[in-house]
PDB file of all heavy atoms in Angstrom:
ATOM      1  N   GLN A   1      12.922  10.406  -7.016  1.00  0.00           N
ATOM      2  CA  GLN A   1      11.843   9.978  -7.770  1.00  0.00           C
ATOM      3  C   GLN A   1      11.504   8.439  -7.558  1.00  0.00           C
ATOM      4  O   GLN A   1      10.478   8.108  -7.247  1.00  0.00           O
ATOM      5  CB  GLN A   1      11.933  10.293  -9.279  1.00  0.00           C
ATOM      6  CG  GLN A   1      10.892   9.838 -10.115  1.00  0.00           C
ATOM      7  CD  GLN A   1      11.092  10.053 -11.570  1.00  0.00           C
ATOM      8  OE1 GLN A   1      11.330  11.223 -11.928  1.00  0.00           O
ATOM      9  NE2 GLN A   1      10.989   9.131 -12.507  1.00  0.00           N
ATOM     10  N   ASN A   2      12.574   7.686  -7.589  1.00  0.00           N
ATOM     11  CA  ASN A   2      12.353   6.223  -7.431  1.00  0.00           C
ATOM     12  C   ASN A   2      12.141   5.900  -6.057  1.00  0.00           C
ATOM     13  O   ASN A   2      11.518   4.854  -5.664  1.00  0.00           O
ATOM     14  CB  ASN A   2      13.663   5.494  -7.976  1.00  0.00           C
ATOM     15  CG  ASN A   2      13.522   5.337  -9.336  1.00  0.00           C
ATOM     16  OD1 ASN A   2      12.752   4.641 -10.051  1.00  0.00           O
ATOM     17  ND2 ASN A   2      14.384   6.146 -10.119  1.00  0.00           N
ATOM     18  N   THR A   3      12.629   6.773  -5.032  1.00  0.00           N
ATOM     19  CA  THR A   3      12.433   6.446  -3.656  1.00  0.00           C
ATOM     20  C   THR A   3      10.923   6.710  -3.281  1.00  0.00           C
ATOM     21  O   THR A   3      10.227   5.889  -2.700  1.00  0.00           O
ATOM     22  CB  THR A   3      13.232   7.398  -2.773  1.00  0.00           C
ATOM     23  OG1 THR A   3      14.678   7.213  -2.958  1.00  0.00           O
ATOM     24  CG2 THR A   3      12.989   7.285  -1.354  1.00  0.00           C
ATOM     25  N   VAL A   4      10.390   7.811  -3.798  1.00  0.00           N
ATOM     26  CA  VAL A   4       8.930   7.994  -3.553  1.00  0.00           C
ATOM     27  C   VAL A   4       7.924   7.170  -4.308  1.00  0.00           C
ATOM     28  O   VAL A   4       6.904   6.748  -3.746  1.00  0.00           O
ATOM     29  CB  VAL A   4       8.593   9.485  -3.848  1.00  0.00           C
ATOM     30  CG1 VAL A   4       9.268  10.505  -3.066  1.00  0.00           C
ATOM     31  CG2 VAL A   4       8.647   9.883  -5.389  1.00  0.00           C
ATOM     32  N   THR A   5       8.451   6.631  -5.526  1.00  0.00           N
ATOM     33  CA  THR A   5       7.533   5.661  -6.177  1.00  0.00           C
ATOM     34  C   THR A   5       7.643   4.295  -5.397  1.00  0.00           C
ATOM     35  O   THR A   5       6.521   3.594  -5.338  1.00  0.00           O
ATOM     36  CB  THR A   5       7.996   5.436  -7.553  1.00  0.00           C
ATOM     37  OG1 THR A   5       9.386   4.987  -7.617  1.00  0.00           O
ATOM     38  CG2 THR A   5       7.786   6.610  -8.429  1.00  0.00           C
ATOM     39  N   ASN A   6       8.669   3.886  -4.889  1.00  0.00           N
ATOM     40  CA  ASN A   6       8.791   2.731  -4.136  1.00  0.00           C
ATOM     41  C   ASN A   6       7.991   2.768  -2.789  1.00  0.00           C
ATOM     42  O   ASN A   6       7.310   1.838  -2.355  1.00  0.00           O
ATOM     43  CB  ASN A   6      10.227   2.272  -3.700  1.00  0.00           C
ATOM     44  CG  ASN A   6      10.937   1.478  -4.759  1.00  0.00           C
ATOM     45  OD1 ASN A   6      10.636   0.325  -4.869  1.00  0.00           O
ATOM     46  ND2 ASN A   6      11.765   2.127  -5.559  1.00  0.00           N
ATOM     47  N   LEU A   7       8.054   3.977  -2.117  1.00  0.00           N
ATOM     48  CA  LEU A   7       7.161   4.148  -0.940  1.00  0.00           C
ATOM     49  C   LEU A   7       5.764   4.190  -1.267  1.00  0.00           C
ATOM     50  O   LEU A   7       4.984   3.584  -0.530  1.00  0.00           O
ATOM     51  CB  LEU A   7       7.588   5.524  -0.319  1.00  0.00           C
ATOM     52  CG  LEU A   7       8.933   5.628   0.377  1.00  0.00           C
ATOM     53  CD1 LEU A   7       9.193   7.026   0.782  1.00  0.00           C
ATOM     54  CD2 LEU A   7       8.940   4.628   1.620  1.00  0.00           C
ATOM     55  N   GLY A   8       5.329   4.780  -2.447  1.00  0.00           N
ATOM     56  CA  GLY A   8       4.037   4.888  -2.821  1.00  0.00           C
ATOM     57  C   GLY A   8       3.419   3.464  -3.145  1.00  0.00           C
ATOM     58  O   GLY A   8       2.442   3.053  -2.659  1.00  0.00           O
ATOM     59  N   ALA A   9       4.316   2.614  -3.878  1.00  0.00           N
ATOM     60  CA  ALA A   9       3.808   1.230  -4.177  1.00  0.00           C
ATOM     61  C   ALA A   9       3.663   0.443  -2.963  1.00  0.00           C
ATOM     62  O   ALA A   9       2.743  -0.304  -2.827  1.00  0.00           O
ATOM     63  CB  ALA A   9       4.806   0.657  -5.141  1.00  0.00           C
ATOM     64  N   SER A  10       4.680   0.599  -2.025  1.00  0.00           N
ATOM     65  CA  SER A  10       4.670  -0.364  -0.747  1.00  0.00           C
ATOM     66  C   SER A  10       3.427   0.102   0.031  1.00  0.00           C
ATOM     67  O   SER A  10       2.714  -0.735   0.636  1.00  0.00           O
ATOM     68  CB  SER A  10       5.884   0.009   0.058  1.00  0.00           C
ATOM     69  OG  SER A  10       7.016  -0.427  -0.593  1.00  0.00           O
ATOM     70  N   ILE A  11       3.130   1.427   0.181  1.00  0.00           N
ATOM     71  CA  ILE A  11       1.957   1.914   0.949  1.00  0.00           C
ATOM     72  C   ILE A  11       0.655   1.521   0.382  1.00  0.00           C
ATOM     73  O   ILE A  11      -0.329   1.084   0.943  1.00  0.00           O
ATOM     74  CB  ILE A  11       2.070   3.421   1.205  1.00  0.00           C
ATOM     75  CG1 ILE A  11       3.209   3.704   2.157  1.00  0.00           C
ATOM     76  CG2 ILE A  11       0.754   3.991   1.737  1.00  0.00           C
ATOM     77  CD1 ILE A  11       3.454   5.275   2.353  1.00  0.00           C
ATOM     78  N   GLY A  12       0.602   1.577  -0.971  1.00  0.00           N
ATOM     79  CA  GLY A  12      -0.610   1.199  -1.714  1.00  0.00           C
ATOM     80  C   GLY A  12      -1.091  -0.211  -1.466  1.00  0.00           C
ATOM     81  O   GLY A  12      -2.118  -0.520  -1.199  1.00  0.00           O
ATOM     82  N   THR A  13       0.081  -1.031  -1.597  1.00  0.00           N
ATOM     83  CA  THR A  13      -0.298  -2.478  -1.376  1.00  0.00           C
ATOM     84  C   THR A  13      -0.655  -2.796   0.176  1.00  0.00           C
ATOM     85  O   THR A  13      -1.685  -3.463   0.282  1.00  0.00           O
ATOM     86  CB  THR A  13       1.049  -3.276  -1.762  1.00  0.00           C
ATOM     87  OG1 THR A  13       1.344  -3.060  -3.103  1.00  0.00           O
ATOM     88  CG2 THR A  13       0.684  -4.858  -1.592  1.00  0.00           C
ATOM     89  N   ALA A  14       0.075  -2.250   0.926  1.00  0.00           N
ATOM     90  CA  ALA A  14      -0.142  -2.491   2.393  1.00  0.00           C
ATOM     91  C   ALA A  14      -1.652  -1.921   2.852  1.00  0.00           C
ATOM     92  O   ALA A  14      -2.332  -2.547   3.529  1.00  0.00           O
ATOM     93  CB  ALA A  14       0.895  -1.761   3.294  1.00  0.00           C
ATOM     94  N   LEU A  15      -1.916  -0.791   2.381  1.00  0.00           N
ATOM     95  CA  LEU A  15      -3.154  -0.050   2.658  1.00  0.00           C
ATOM     96  C   LEU A  15      -4.260  -0.764   2.064  1.00  0.00           C
ATOM     97  O   LEU A  15      -5.368  -1.112   2.805  1.00  0.00           O
ATOM     98  CB  LEU A  15      -3.229   1.355   2.169  1.00  0.00           C
ATOM     99  CG  LEU A  15      -4.339   2.205   2.389  1.00  0.00           C
ATOM    100  CD1 LEU A  15      -4.446   2.419   3.980  1.00  0.00           C
ATOM    101  CD2 LEU A  15      -4.346   3.665   1.764  1.00  0.00           C
ATOM    102  N   ALA A  16      -4.214  -1.152   0.796  1.00  0.00           N
ATOM    103  CA  ALA A  16      -5.346  -1.889   0.214  1.00  0.00           C
ATOM    104  C   ALA A  16      -5.515  -3.372   0.829  1.00  0.00           C
ATOM    105  O   ALA A  16      -6.602  -3.749   1.099  1.00  0.00           O
ATOM    106  CB  ALA A  16      -5.022  -2.169  -1.322  1.00  0.00           C
ATOM    107  N   GLY A  17      -4.310  -3.969   1.128  1.00  0.00           N
ATOM    108  CA  GLY A  17      -4.457  -5.205   1.837  1.00  0.00           C
ATOM    109  C   GLY A  17      -5.054  -5.222   3.216  1.00  0.00           C
ATOM    110  O   GLY A  17      -5.778  -5.996   3.596  1.00  0.00           O
ATOM    111  N   ALA A  18      -4.650  -4.136   4.019  1.00  0.00           N
ATOM    112  CA  ALA A  18      -5.118  -4.017   5.376  1.00  0.00           C
ATOM    113  C   ALA A  18      -6.639  -3.747   5.386  1.00  0.00           C
ATOM    114  O   ALA A  18      -7.481  -4.331   6.197  1.00  0.00           O
ATOM    115  CB  ALA A  18      -4.458  -2.954   6.146  1.00  0.00           C
ATOM    116  N   VAL A  19      -7.085  -2.818   4.591  1.00  0.00           N
ATOM    117  CA  VAL A  19      -8.505  -2.444   4.465  1.00  0.00           C
ATOM    118  C   VAL A  19      -9.355  -3.665   4.049  1.00  0.00           C
ATOM    119  O   VAL A  19     -10.377  -3.926   4.536  1.00  0.00           O
ATOM    120  CB  VAL A  19      -8.646  -1.157   3.585  1.00  0.00           C
ATOM    121  CG1 VAL A  19     -10.237  -0.950   3.271  1.00  0.00           C
ATOM    122  CG2 VAL A  19      -7.951   0.011   4.192  1.00  0.00           C
ATOM    123  N   LEU A  20      -8.813  -4.333   3.058  1.00  0.00           N
ATOM    124  CA  LEU A  20      -9.571  -5.448   2.444  1.00  0.00           C
ATOM    125  C   LEU A  20      -9.670  -6.539   3.554  1.00  0.00           C
ATOM    126  O   LEU A  20     -10.883  -7.032   3.703  1.00  0.00           O
ATOM    127  CB  LEU A  20      -8.919  -6.059   1.260  1.00  0.00           C
ATOM    128  CG  LEU A  20      -9.425  -7.188   0.536  1.00  0.00           C
ATOM    129  CD1 LEU A  20      -9.028  -7.180  -0.961  1.00  0.00           C
ATOM    130  CD2 LEU A  20      -9.074  -8.559   1.057  1.00  0.00           C
ATOM    131  N   ILE A  21      -8.634  -6.945   4.205  1.00  0.00           N
ATOM    132  CA  ILE A  21      -8.805  -7.918   5.362  1.00  0.00           C
ATOM    133  C   ILE A  21      -9.780  -7.502   6.424  1.00  0.00           C
ATOM    134  O   ILE A  21     -10.460  -8.314   7.016  1.00  0.00           O
ATOM    135  CB  ILE A  21      -7.371  -8.341   5.775  1.00  0.00           C
ATOM    136  CG1 ILE A  21      -6.590  -9.078   4.540  1.00  0.00           C
ATOM    137  CG2 ILE A  21      -7.492  -9.426   6.934  1.00  0.00           C
ATOM    138  CD1 ILE A  21      -7.285 -10.306   4.066  1.00  0.00           C
ATOM    139  N   ALA A  22      -9.614  -6.216   6.902  1.00  0.00           N
ATOM    140  CA  ALA A  22     -10.344  -5.728   7.922  1.00  0.00           C
ATOM    141  C   ALA A  22     -11.876  -5.763   7.599  1.00  0.00           C
ATOM    142  O   ALA A  22     -12.679  -6.223   8.399  1.00  0.00           O
ATOM    143  CB  ALA A  22      -9.965  -4.291   8.291  1.00  0.00           C
ATOM    144  N   ALA A  23     -12.116  -5.255   6.470  1.00  0.00           N
ATOM    145  CA  ALA A  23     -13.590  -5.309   5.966  1.00  0.00           C
ATOM    146  C   ALA A  23     -14.128  -6.831   5.699  1.00  0.00           C
ATOM    147  O   ALA A  23     -15.205  -7.085   6.015  1.00  0.00           O
ATOM    148  CB  ALA A  23     -13.805  -4.499   4.648  1.00  0.00           C
ATOM    149  N   LEU A  24     -13.217  -7.642   5.055  1.00  0.00           N
ATOM    150  CA  LEU A  24     -13.577  -9.070   4.912  1.00  0.00           C
ATOM    151  C   LEU A  24     -13.967  -9.703   6.205  1.00  0.00           C
ATOM    152  O   LEU A  24     -14.999 -10.410   6.393  1.00  0.00           O
ATOM    153  CB  LEU A  24     -12.504  -9.715   4.240  1.00  0.00           C
ATOM    154  CG  LEU A  24     -12.571 -11.284   4.191  1.00  0.00           C
ATOM    155  CD1 LEU A  24     -13.622 -11.708   3.355  1.00  0.00           C
ATOM    156  CD2 LEU A  24     -11.126 -11.797   3.602  1.00  0.00           C
TER     157      LEU A  24
END
């Protein structure tokens, strides 16, 4: 459970950041 939550949090931050900077 804690492994998938860490993966989800890492991907969520990375994905939001990458899309934000690309669109910006």
